[in-house]
N, C-alpha and C. Protein backbone atom coordinates (compact mmCIF):
# COMPACT_ATOMS: atom_id res chain seq x y z
N UNK A 1 148.26 373.82 9.20
CA UNK A 1 147.70 373.86 10.52
C UNK A 1 148.73 373.27 11.48
N UNK A 2 148.86 373.88 12.58
CA UNK A 2 149.82 373.44 13.59
C UNK A 2 149.32 372.17 14.26
N UNK A 3 150.24 371.26 14.57
CA UNK A 3 149.89 370.00 15.19
C UNK A 3 149.22 370.21 16.55
N UNK A 4 149.56 371.25 17.25
CA UNK A 4 148.97 371.53 18.56
C UNK A 4 147.53 372.02 18.46
N UNK A 5 147.11 372.52 17.29
CA UNK A 5 145.76 373.04 17.13
C UNK A 5 144.74 371.95 16.74
N UNK A 6 145.18 370.77 16.38
CA UNK A 6 144.27 369.67 16.03
C UNK A 6 143.56 369.15 17.28
N UNK A 7 142.29 368.79 17.13
CA UNK A 7 141.58 368.21 18.28
C UNK A 7 142.15 366.81 18.58
N UNK A 8 141.89 366.31 19.77
CA UNK A 8 142.37 364.96 20.08
C UNK A 8 141.80 363.95 19.07
N UNK A 9 142.44 362.79 18.93
CA UNK A 9 142.06 361.81 17.91
C UNK A 9 140.62 361.32 18.06
N UNK A 10 140.11 361.22 19.29
CA UNK A 10 138.76 360.71 19.49
C UNK A 10 137.68 361.73 19.13
N UNK A 11 138.06 362.99 18.91
CA UNK A 11 137.09 364.02 18.52
C UNK A 11 137.12 364.32 17.03
N UNK A 12 137.91 363.63 16.28
CA UNK A 12 137.99 363.88 14.84
C UNK A 12 136.84 363.19 14.13
N UNK A 13 136.36 363.83 13.05
CA UNK A 13 135.19 363.32 12.33
C UNK A 13 135.45 361.94 11.74
N UNK A 14 136.67 361.65 11.35
CA UNK A 14 136.96 360.34 10.77
C UNK A 14 136.81 359.22 11.79
N UNK A 15 136.87 359.54 13.03
CA UNK A 15 136.72 358.53 14.09
C UNK A 15 135.29 358.55 14.64
N UNK A 16 134.76 359.74 14.91
CA UNK A 16 133.45 359.88 15.55
C UNK A 16 132.33 359.34 14.67
N UNK A 17 132.29 359.74 13.40
CA UNK A 17 131.18 359.34 12.53
C UNK A 17 131.06 357.82 12.39
N UNK A 18 132.11 357.08 12.03
CA UNK A 18 131.95 355.62 11.95
C UNK A 18 131.63 354.97 13.29
N UNK A 19 132.17 355.51 14.38
CA UNK A 19 131.90 354.95 15.70
C UNK A 19 130.42 355.13 16.07
N UNK A 20 129.87 356.31 15.85
CA UNK A 20 128.46 356.58 16.13
C UNK A 20 127.58 355.73 15.22
N UNK A 21 127.98 355.58 13.96
CA UNK A 21 127.22 354.77 13.02
C UNK A 21 127.17 353.30 13.47
N UNK A 22 128.30 352.75 13.89
CA UNK A 22 128.34 351.37 14.36
C UNK A 22 127.49 351.17 15.62
N UNK A 23 127.59 352.09 16.56
CA UNK A 23 126.80 351.99 17.78
C UNK A 23 125.32 352.11 17.45
N UNK A 24 124.95 353.04 16.57
CA UNK A 24 123.54 353.22 16.18
C UNK A 24 122.97 352.00 15.50
N UNK A 25 123.73 351.38 14.61
CA UNK A 25 123.26 350.17 13.92
C UNK A 25 123.12 349.04 14.94
N UNK A 26 124.03 348.94 15.86
CA UNK A 26 123.94 347.90 16.90
C UNK A 26 122.72 348.07 17.78
N UNK A 27 122.45 349.29 18.20
CA UNK A 27 121.27 349.56 19.04
C UNK A 27 119.99 349.30 18.25
N UNK A 28 119.93 349.76 17.00
CA UNK A 28 118.73 349.53 16.18
C UNK A 28 118.50 348.04 15.94
N UNK A 29 119.56 347.29 15.70
CA UNK A 29 119.42 345.84 15.51
C UNK A 29 118.93 345.14 16.76
N UNK A 30 119.44 345.56 17.91
CA UNK A 30 119.01 344.96 19.17
C UNK A 30 117.54 345.25 19.44
N UNK A 31 117.12 346.49 19.23
CA UNK A 31 115.71 346.87 19.43
C UNK A 31 114.81 346.09 18.47
N UNK A 32 115.23 345.97 17.21
CA UNK A 32 114.43 345.24 16.23
C UNK A 32 114.30 343.77 16.62
N UNK A 33 115.38 343.15 17.09
CA UNK A 33 115.32 341.74 17.46
C UNK A 33 114.43 341.53 18.68
N UNK A 34 114.54 342.40 19.68
CA UNK A 34 113.71 342.26 20.87
C UNK A 34 112.24 342.43 20.51
N UNK A 35 111.92 343.42 19.67
CA UNK A 35 110.53 343.64 19.28
C UNK A 35 110.00 342.56 18.34
N UNK A 36 110.89 341.86 17.64
CA UNK A 36 110.44 340.82 16.73
C UNK A 36 109.93 339.60 17.47
N UNK A 37 110.13 339.52 18.76
CA UNK A 37 109.68 338.37 19.55
C UNK A 37 108.21 338.51 19.97
N UNK A 38 107.61 339.68 19.79
CA UNK A 38 106.22 339.92 20.17
C UNK A 38 105.28 339.29 19.15
N UNK A 39 104.28 338.58 19.62
CA UNK A 39 103.27 337.99 18.74
C UNK A 39 102.02 338.86 18.74
N UNK A 40 101.41 339.00 17.56
CA UNK A 40 100.23 339.85 17.43
C UNK A 40 99.14 339.15 16.62
N UNK A 41 97.92 339.58 16.88
CA UNK A 41 96.76 339.15 16.11
C UNK A 41 96.12 340.40 15.54
N UNK A 42 95.91 340.42 14.24
CA UNK A 42 95.29 341.57 13.58
C UNK A 42 94.02 341.08 12.90
N UNK A 43 92.90 341.76 13.18
CA UNK A 43 91.60 341.41 12.59
C UNK A 43 91.16 342.56 11.70
N UNK A 44 90.90 342.25 10.43
CA UNK A 44 90.44 343.24 9.44
C UNK A 44 88.96 343.04 9.18
N UNK A 45 88.21 344.13 9.14
CA UNK A 45 86.79 344.08 8.83
C UNK A 45 86.60 344.34 7.34
N UNK A 46 86.30 343.30 6.59
CA UNK A 46 86.04 343.42 5.16
C UNK A 46 84.60 343.03 4.84
N UNK A 47 83.73 343.13 5.83
CA UNK A 47 82.34 342.66 5.68
C UNK A 47 81.45 343.63 4.91
N UNK A 48 81.86 344.87 4.80
CA UNK A 48 81.01 345.85 4.15
C UNK A 48 80.05 346.53 5.10
N UNK A 49 80.16 346.24 6.39
CA UNK A 49 79.27 346.82 7.39
C UNK A 49 80.03 346.98 8.71
N UNK A 50 79.41 347.74 9.61
CA UNK A 50 79.99 347.89 10.95
C UNK A 50 79.81 346.59 11.72
N UNK A 51 80.87 346.17 12.42
CA UNK A 51 80.81 344.94 13.21
C UNK A 51 80.42 345.25 14.65
N UNK A 52 79.70 344.33 15.29
CA UNK A 52 79.41 344.50 16.73
C UNK A 52 80.68 344.26 17.54
N UNK A 53 80.62 344.45 18.86
CA UNK A 53 81.82 344.22 19.68
C UNK A 53 82.42 342.83 19.42
N UNK A 54 83.74 342.79 19.46
CA UNK A 54 84.50 341.59 19.14
C UNK A 54 85.37 341.19 20.33
N UNK A 55 85.38 339.90 20.63
CA UNK A 55 86.25 339.35 21.67
C UNK A 55 87.28 338.46 20.98
N UNK A 56 88.57 338.72 21.26
CA UNK A 56 89.66 337.91 20.73
C UNK A 56 90.32 337.20 21.90
N UNK A 57 90.48 335.87 21.78
CA UNK A 57 91.07 335.09 22.86
C UNK A 57 92.16 334.19 22.27
N UNK A 58 93.35 334.20 22.92
CA UNK A 58 94.46 333.35 22.50
C UNK A 58 95.50 333.29 23.62
N UNK A 59 96.17 332.16 23.75
CA UNK A 59 97.27 331.98 24.71
C UNK A 59 96.87 332.40 26.12
N UNK A 60 95.67 332.01 26.54
CA UNK A 60 95.16 332.31 27.87
C UNK A 60 95.04 333.82 28.14
N UNK A 61 94.87 334.60 27.08
CA UNK A 61 94.69 336.05 27.17
C UNK A 61 93.48 336.41 26.31
N UNK A 62 92.84 337.50 26.66
CA UNK A 62 91.72 337.95 25.84
C UNK A 62 91.63 339.47 25.84
N UNK A 63 91.02 339.97 24.77
CA UNK A 63 90.85 341.42 24.64
C UNK A 63 89.55 341.67 23.88
N UNK A 64 88.80 342.68 24.36
CA UNK A 64 87.55 343.07 23.71
C UNK A 64 87.76 344.35 22.92
N UNK A 65 87.06 344.44 21.81
CA UNK A 65 87.12 345.64 20.97
C UNK A 65 85.69 346.11 20.74
N UNK A 66 85.49 347.41 20.81
CA UNK A 66 84.17 347.99 20.54
C UNK A 66 83.88 347.83 19.05
N UNK A 67 82.71 348.22 18.64
CA UNK A 67 82.36 348.10 17.23
C UNK A 67 83.41 348.81 16.38
N UNK A 68 83.66 348.24 15.22
CA UNK A 68 84.57 348.93 14.30
C UNK A 68 84.03 348.87 12.89
N UNK A 69 84.27 349.97 12.17
CA UNK A 69 83.68 350.17 10.86
C UNK A 69 84.32 349.28 9.80
N UNK A 70 83.67 349.24 8.65
CA UNK A 70 84.18 348.50 7.51
C UNK A 70 85.52 349.10 7.09
N UNK A 71 86.45 348.25 6.73
CA UNK A 71 87.82 348.63 6.32
C UNK A 71 88.69 349.05 7.51
N UNK A 72 88.22 348.89 8.73
CA UNK A 72 89.04 349.15 9.91
C UNK A 72 89.68 347.85 10.36
N UNK A 73 90.72 347.98 11.16
CA UNK A 73 91.36 346.79 11.72
C UNK A 73 91.67 347.03 13.19
N UNK A 74 91.81 345.94 13.92
CA UNK A 74 92.20 346.01 15.33
C UNK A 74 93.39 345.07 15.53
N UNK A 75 94.23 345.42 16.49
CA UNK A 75 95.44 344.63 16.75
C UNK A 75 95.52 344.27 18.22
N UNK A 76 95.91 343.05 18.49
CA UNK A 76 96.05 342.53 19.84
C UNK A 76 97.47 341.99 19.99
N UNK A 77 98.31 342.69 20.76
CA UNK A 77 99.68 342.25 21.01
C UNK A 77 99.67 341.36 22.26
N UNK A 78 100.13 340.14 22.10
CA UNK A 78 100.11 339.18 23.21
C UNK A 78 101.29 339.41 24.15
N UNK A 79 101.03 339.23 25.43
CA UNK A 79 102.10 339.26 26.42
C UNK A 79 102.83 337.92 26.33
N UNK A 80 104.12 337.89 26.59
CA UNK A 80 104.87 336.63 26.44
C UNK A 80 104.62 335.65 27.58
N UNK A 81 103.38 335.29 27.77
CA UNK A 81 103.02 334.28 28.78
C UNK A 81 101.87 333.46 28.22
N UNK A 82 101.75 332.27 28.70
CA UNK A 82 100.69 331.40 28.22
C UNK A 82 101.23 330.42 27.20
N UNK A 83 100.49 329.36 27.00
CA UNK A 83 100.93 328.31 26.09
C UNK A 83 100.36 328.52 24.70
N UNK A 84 100.81 327.70 23.76
CA UNK A 84 100.33 327.76 22.39
C UNK A 84 98.86 327.34 22.34
N UNK A 85 98.04 328.16 21.70
CA UNK A 85 96.62 327.85 21.54
C UNK A 85 96.16 328.30 20.16
N UNK A 86 94.90 328.05 19.90
CA UNK A 86 94.31 328.57 18.67
C UNK A 86 93.73 329.95 18.95
N UNK A 87 93.55 330.72 17.91
CA UNK A 87 92.92 332.04 18.03
C UNK A 87 91.41 331.83 18.02
N UNK A 88 90.72 332.47 18.95
CA UNK A 88 89.28 332.34 19.10
C UNK A 88 88.65 333.72 18.96
N UNK A 89 87.72 333.86 18.03
CA UNK A 89 86.99 335.12 17.85
C UNK A 89 85.53 334.91 18.21
N UNK A 90 84.93 335.95 18.77
CA UNK A 90 83.51 335.89 19.10
C UNK A 90 82.89 337.27 18.90
N UNK A 91 81.84 337.32 18.08
CA UNK A 91 81.11 338.56 17.85
C UNK A 91 79.87 338.58 18.71
N UNK A 92 79.55 339.75 19.27
CA UNK A 92 78.38 339.91 20.14
C UNK A 92 77.13 340.07 19.28
N UNK A 93 76.70 338.97 18.69
CA UNK A 93 75.48 338.97 17.89
C UNK A 93 74.49 337.99 18.53
N UNK A 94 73.26 337.97 18.02
CA UNK A 94 72.28 337.05 18.55
C UNK A 94 71.82 336.15 17.41
N UNK A 95 72.18 334.92 17.32
CA UNK A 95 73.03 334.15 18.23
C UNK A 95 74.50 334.53 18.07
N UNK A 96 75.28 334.23 19.09
CA UNK A 96 76.70 334.60 19.09
C UNK A 96 77.42 333.88 17.95
N UNK A 97 78.26 334.62 17.22
CA UNK A 97 79.06 334.04 16.15
C UNK A 97 80.45 333.76 16.70
N UNK A 98 80.93 332.54 16.50
CA UNK A 98 82.24 332.15 17.01
C UNK A 98 83.08 331.54 15.89
N UNK A 99 84.39 331.76 15.98
CA UNK A 99 85.33 331.17 15.04
C UNK A 99 86.59 330.78 15.79
N UNK A 100 87.15 329.65 15.45
CA UNK A 100 88.39 329.21 16.06
C UNK A 100 89.29 328.65 14.96
N UNK A 101 90.57 329.05 14.98
CA UNK A 101 91.48 328.58 13.93
C UNK A 101 92.92 328.85 14.30
N UNK A 102 93.76 329.12 13.35
CA UNK A 102 95.19 329.40 13.43
C UNK A 102 95.86 329.27 14.81
N UNK A 103 96.88 328.43 14.88
CA UNK A 103 97.67 328.29 16.10
C UNK A 103 98.61 329.49 16.26
N UNK A 104 98.84 329.89 17.50
CA UNK A 104 99.74 331.01 17.77
C UNK A 104 100.46 330.75 19.10
N UNK A 105 101.72 331.15 19.15
CA UNK A 105 102.50 331.14 20.39
C UNK A 105 102.45 332.56 20.95
N UNK A 106 102.58 332.70 22.25
CA UNK A 106 102.50 334.03 22.86
C UNK A 106 103.78 334.83 22.64
N UNK A 107 104.81 334.21 22.16
CA UNK A 107 106.05 334.91 21.80
C UNK A 107 106.65 334.19 20.61
N UNK A 108 107.67 334.74 20.02
CA UNK A 108 108.31 334.10 18.88
C UNK A 108 108.08 334.82 17.58
N UNK A 109 107.47 336.00 17.62
CA UNK A 109 107.29 336.79 16.41
C UNK A 109 106.17 336.34 15.50
N UNK A 110 105.17 335.68 16.04
CA UNK A 110 104.04 335.24 15.23
C UNK A 110 103.11 336.43 14.96
N UNK A 111 102.56 336.46 13.75
CA UNK A 111 101.56 337.46 13.40
C UNK A 111 100.44 336.73 12.67
N UNK A 112 99.28 336.70 13.30
CA UNK A 112 98.12 336.07 12.69
C UNK A 112 97.24 337.19 12.13
N UNK A 113 97.02 337.15 10.82
CA UNK A 113 96.16 338.12 10.15
C UNK A 113 94.85 337.44 9.81
N UNK A 114 93.75 338.04 10.25
CA UNK A 114 92.42 337.46 10.05
C UNK A 114 91.57 338.50 9.32
N UNK A 115 90.99 338.08 8.22
CA UNK A 115 90.08 338.95 7.47
C UNK A 115 88.67 338.38 7.58
N UNK A 116 87.75 339.23 8.03
CA UNK A 116 86.34 338.84 8.13
C UNK A 116 85.63 339.34 6.87
N UNK A 117 85.08 338.42 6.09
CA UNK A 117 84.43 338.73 4.83
C UNK A 117 82.91 338.65 5.01
N UNK A 118 82.15 339.11 4.02
CA UNK A 118 80.68 339.00 4.10
C UNK A 118 80.24 337.55 4.29
N UNK A 119 79.05 337.36 4.79
CA UNK A 119 78.46 336.04 5.06
C UNK A 119 79.30 335.23 6.05
N UNK A 120 79.97 335.93 6.96
CA UNK A 120 80.76 335.29 8.04
C UNK A 120 81.88 334.39 7.55
N UNK A 121 82.39 334.66 6.36
CA UNK A 121 83.55 333.95 5.85
C UNK A 121 84.80 334.50 6.52
N UNK A 122 85.77 333.63 6.81
CA UNK A 122 87.00 334.03 7.50
C UNK A 122 88.20 333.55 6.71
N UNK A 123 89.15 334.44 6.52
CA UNK A 123 90.42 334.11 5.89
C UNK A 123 91.52 334.42 6.90
N UNK A 124 92.36 333.44 7.20
CA UNK A 124 93.40 333.65 8.21
C UNK A 124 94.70 333.04 7.74
N UNK A 125 95.80 333.71 8.08
CA UNK A 125 97.11 333.14 7.80
C UNK A 125 98.10 333.62 8.85
N UNK A 126 99.14 332.83 9.03
CA UNK A 126 100.15 333.10 10.06
C UNK A 126 101.50 333.38 9.41
N UNK A 127 102.17 334.38 9.92
CA UNK A 127 103.54 334.70 9.49
C UNK A 127 104.42 334.70 10.73
N UNK A 128 105.70 334.45 10.52
CA UNK A 128 106.67 334.55 11.60
C UNK A 128 107.70 335.59 11.20
N UNK A 129 108.07 336.44 12.13
CA UNK A 129 109.05 337.49 11.88
C UNK A 129 110.31 336.90 11.26
N UNK A 130 110.83 337.54 10.21
CA UNK A 130 112.02 337.00 9.55
C UNK A 130 113.23 337.02 10.48
N UNK A 131 113.28 337.98 11.41
CA UNK A 131 114.40 337.99 12.37
C UNK A 131 114.33 336.77 13.29
N UNK A 132 113.11 336.40 13.70
CA UNK A 132 112.96 335.22 14.55
C UNK A 132 113.22 333.94 13.77
N UNK A 133 112.83 333.92 12.48
CA UNK A 133 113.13 332.74 11.66
C UNK A 133 114.62 332.56 11.50
N UNK A 134 115.35 333.65 11.29
CA UNK A 134 116.79 333.55 11.06
C UNK A 134 117.60 333.36 12.32
N UNK A 135 117.28 334.16 13.35
CA UNK A 135 118.12 334.19 14.55
C UNK A 135 117.40 333.75 15.80
N UNK A 136 116.13 333.36 15.70
CA UNK A 136 115.36 332.98 16.88
C UNK A 136 115.92 331.72 17.53
N UNK A 137 115.50 331.47 18.75
CA UNK A 137 116.04 330.35 19.52
C UNK A 137 115.15 329.12 19.43
N UNK A 138 114.35 329.03 18.43
CA UNK A 138 113.45 327.87 18.29
C UNK A 138 114.05 326.87 17.36
């Protein structure tokens, strides 16, 4: 092949492919790190029955959920504002059922998983995003 027929060096596959790969990995890493700072609360219905409307309150924010069936879950992504508080659940029953537990920050990659079991038993645990644990600013 004649030297004049070769494409310029920046258009050759040996240059383009690794360059695109590096840029793609950098963008994906940045997106993953930014999203890892979001804190969420997930409530699972393991009661064996449909639950009445549920109110979730944390970090000076609240969200209501309509009834949800057994084996369903709901998720509440917190906005990065408000101070550290406990998670507060309230079911619209008569009398009202309330639960308060697990501490959560409105940012920092916290994920509080709450399982509602029969007889109003509650199981809750908190995880922190591994990206925030490794590279977070806390």
